[in-house]
Protein backbone atom coordinates (compact mmCIF):
# COMPACT_ATOMS: atom_id res chain seq x y z
CA MET A 1 139.19 78.34 79.68
CA ASN A 2 135.74 77.64 80.34
CA SER A 3 135.68 73.87 81.19
CA LEU A 4 137.83 70.60 81.17
CA ASP A 5 136.26 70.24 77.56
CA GLU A 6 138.23 72.86 76.71
CA VAL A 7 140.77 72.10 78.54
CA CYS A 8 141.02 68.70 76.70
CA VAL A 9 140.91 70.35 73.22
CA GLN A 10 143.94 72.37 74.09
CA MET A 11 145.84 69.53 75.39
CA ARG A 12 145.11 67.70 72.27
CA LEU A 13 146.55 70.40 70.31
CA PHE A 14 149.65 70.99 72.34
CA GLN A 15 150.00 67.02 72.01
CA GLN A 16 149.98 67.76 67.99
CA ALA A 17 152.32 70.61 68.27
CA LEU A 18 154.82 68.69 70.67
CA VAL A 19 154.83 65.93 68.31
CA GLU A 20 155.63 68.07 65.45
CA PHE A 21 158.33 69.86 67.51
CA ASN A 22 159.79 66.67 68.19
CA GLN A 23 160.11 65.40 64.48
CA GLU A 24 161.56 68.99 63.59
CA VAL A 25 164.06 68.67 66.29
CA GLY A 26 165.44 65.27 65.07
CA SER A 27 165.41 66.24 61.76
CA SER A 28 167.50 69.28 62.34
CA ALA A 29 169.65 67.47 64.89
CA THR A 30 170.24 64.75 61.65
CA ALA A 31 171.00 67.30 59.43
CA LEU A 32 173.50 69.22 62.19
CA ALA A 33 175.07 66.20 62.39
CA ARG A 34 175.38 65.52 58.59
CA SER A 35 176.92 69.10 57.95
CA HIS A 36 179.34 68.38 61.33
CA GLU A 37 180.65 65.42 60.00
CA ASP A 38 181.35 66.95 56.47
CA LEU A 39 183.33 69.42 57.87
CA SER A 40 185.16 67.70 60.27
CA GLY A 41 187.43 66.11 57.44
CA LEU A 42 188.10 69.43 56.01
CA TRP A 43 188.59 72.04 59.09
CA HIS A 44 191.75 71.90 61.36
CA ASP A 45 192.12 75.11 62.69
CA GLU A 46 191.72 76.74 66.55
CA ALA A 47 188.45 77.70 65.37
CA ALA A 48 187.21 74.19 64.42
CA LEU A 49 188.71 73.08 67.68
CA ARG A 50 186.59 75.51 69.49
CA TYR A 51 183.78 74.63 67.07
CA ARG A 52 183.86 70.98 68.12
CA GLN A 53 183.96 71.76 71.89
CA ALA A 54 180.65 73.66 71.31
CA TYR A 55 178.86 71.31 69.14
CA GLU A 56 179.64 68.31 71.17
CA PRO A 57 177.82 69.08 74.29
CA LEU A 58 174.59 70.48 72.06
CA ALA A 59 174.80 67.19 69.86
CA GLN A 60 175.17 64.98 73.13
CA SER A 61 171.95 67.22 74.67
CA LEU A 62 170.12 66.69 71.45
CA ASP A 63 170.76 62.93 71.35
CA ASP A 64 169.67 62.51 75.27
CA TYR A 65 166.27 64.62 74.72
CA LEU A 66 165.46 62.85 71.51
CA ARG A 67 166.44 59.23 72.76
CA ALA A 68 164.53 59.94 76.39
CA GLY A 69 162.88 63.14 76.85
CA ALA A 70 160.79 63.61 74.11
CA PRO A 71 159.29 60.23 74.20
CA ARG A 72 158.92 60.40 78.03
CA PHE A 73 156.98 63.76 77.57
CA GLU A 74 154.98 62.60 74.80
CA HIS A 75 153.69 59.61 76.97
CA PHE A 76 153.23 61.48 79.84
CA LEU A 77 150.69 63.69 78.15
CA ALA A 78 148.86 60.98 76.41
CA SER A 79 148.83 59.53 79.44
CA LYS A 80 147.13 62.60 80.96
CA ILE A 81 144.66 63.09 77.93
CA GLN A 82 143.72 59.49 78.40
CA GLN A 83 142.77 60.34 82.05
CA LEU A 84 140.76 63.34 81.74
CA GLU A 85 138.95 61.69 78.62
CA HIS A 86 138.00 59.17 80.85
CA TYR A 87 137.09 61.51 83.37
CA LEU A 88 134.51 63.50 81.17
CA HIS A 89 133.62 60.67 78.86
CA GLY A 90 133.42 57.68 81.29
CA ALA A 91 135.20 54.22 80.21
């Protein structure tokens, strides 16, 4: 990158990609949870137990990310972009 102006452009592009990524993770997590619930009532063998043991930590991690991590990362990036824009263009 040749300048802070280009860095700012790239940061805005990354910000949009991050928002889209977080939306997709949210949609995928919702669809996965729905499928999990649909299967839970039908599947009651050892494989189902192993699946639940793997699924539950994943579901919790996704929930933690979507509730705390994603908004924190988006806010952090937005604040850095704002600071850079203020530096480049003044108040």
